[in-house]
Amino acid sequence: MFDHHCTACDRRQLIFPSQVTRIDNTDHGIEVAFGCWCGSQQIHLTGRRADRRRLTHAA
């Protein structure tokens, strides 16, 4: 579980493992794709290589 600020509904939500649809290891970090409670598909970038300056974006 992690918290995320949704770019579609502009709300901070708790995201549960059941909402995660994909996890990809990229050169920029780990991309976690999931469905927000509002129905919007989102991507959260995390991990050691994550560029913390990059904004989380909608899928």
Protein backbone atom coordinates (compact mmCIF):
# COMPACT_ATOMS: atom_id res chain seq x y z
CA MET A 1 0.00 0.00 0.00
CA PHE A 2 1.22 3.51 -0.79
CA ASP A 3 -0.26 6.98 -1.06
CA HIS A 4 -0.56 8.80 -4.37
CA HIS A 5 -1.78 12.18 -5.56
CA CYS A 6 -4.01 11.54 -8.58
CA THR A 7 -3.56 13.88 -11.55
CA ALA A 8 -7.15 13.25 -12.70
CA CYS A 9 -9.23 13.76 -9.54
CA ASP A 10 -6.61 15.92 -7.72
CA ARG A 11 -6.98 13.86 -4.53
CA ARG A 12 -4.46 12.04 -2.38
CA GLN A 13 -5.49 8.39 -2.15
CA LEU A 14 -4.21 5.18 -0.60
CA ILE A 15 -3.44 2.63 -3.33
CA PHE A 16 -3.78 -1.05 -2.43
CA PRO A 17 -1.99 -4.01 -4.10
CA SER A 18 -5.26 -5.09 -5.72
CA GLN A 19 -5.29 -1.81 -7.71
CA VAL A 20 -1.83 -2.40 -9.25
CA THR A 21 -2.02 -3.52 -12.88
CA ARG A 22 1.64 -3.54 -13.91
CA ILE A 23 5.16 -3.13 -12.51
CA ASP A 24 8.03 -2.36 -14.91
CA ASN A 25 11.71 -1.96 -14.08
CA THR A 26 13.04 0.86 -16.32
CA ASP A 27 16.22 2.90 -16.62
CA HIS A 28 14.45 5.70 -14.74
CA GLY A 29 13.23 3.55 -11.85
CA ILE A 30 10.34 1.23 -11.12
CA GLU A 31 7.06 2.22 -12.78
CA VAL A 32 3.99 1.05 -10.89
CA ALA A 33 0.80 1.30 -12.97
CA PHE A 34 -2.53 1.20 -11.16
CA GLY A 35 -6.13 2.34 -11.25
CA CYS A 36 -7.06 5.23 -8.97
CA TRP A 37 -10.29 5.12 -7.00
CA CYS A 38 -11.74 7.61 -9.51
CA GLY A 39 -11.10 5.14 -12.36
CA SER A 40 -8.12 6.95 -13.90
CA GLN A 41 -5.07 4.89 -14.84
CA GLN A 42 -1.95 6.31 -13.15
CA ILE A 43 1.78 5.56 -13.01
CA HIS A 44 3.96 6.05 -9.94
CA LEU A 45 7.76 6.12 -10.32
CA THR A 46 9.76 4.71 -7.41
CA GLY A 47 13.00 2.88 -6.61
CA ARG A 48 16.67 3.88 -6.26
CA ARG A 49 16.93 5.14 -9.84
CA ALA A 50 13.73 7.17 -9.66
CA ASP A 51 14.20 10.77 -10.68
CA ARG A 52 12.28 12.45 -7.85
CA ARG A 53 11.88 15.58 -9.96
CA ARG A 54 9.76 13.76 -12.55
CA LEU A 55 6.06 14.22 -12.02
CA THR A 56 3.75 11.27 -11.67
CA HIS A 57 1.68 11.06 -14.83
CA ALA A 58 -1.50 9.48 -16.03
CA ALA A 59 -1.14 6.36 -18.15
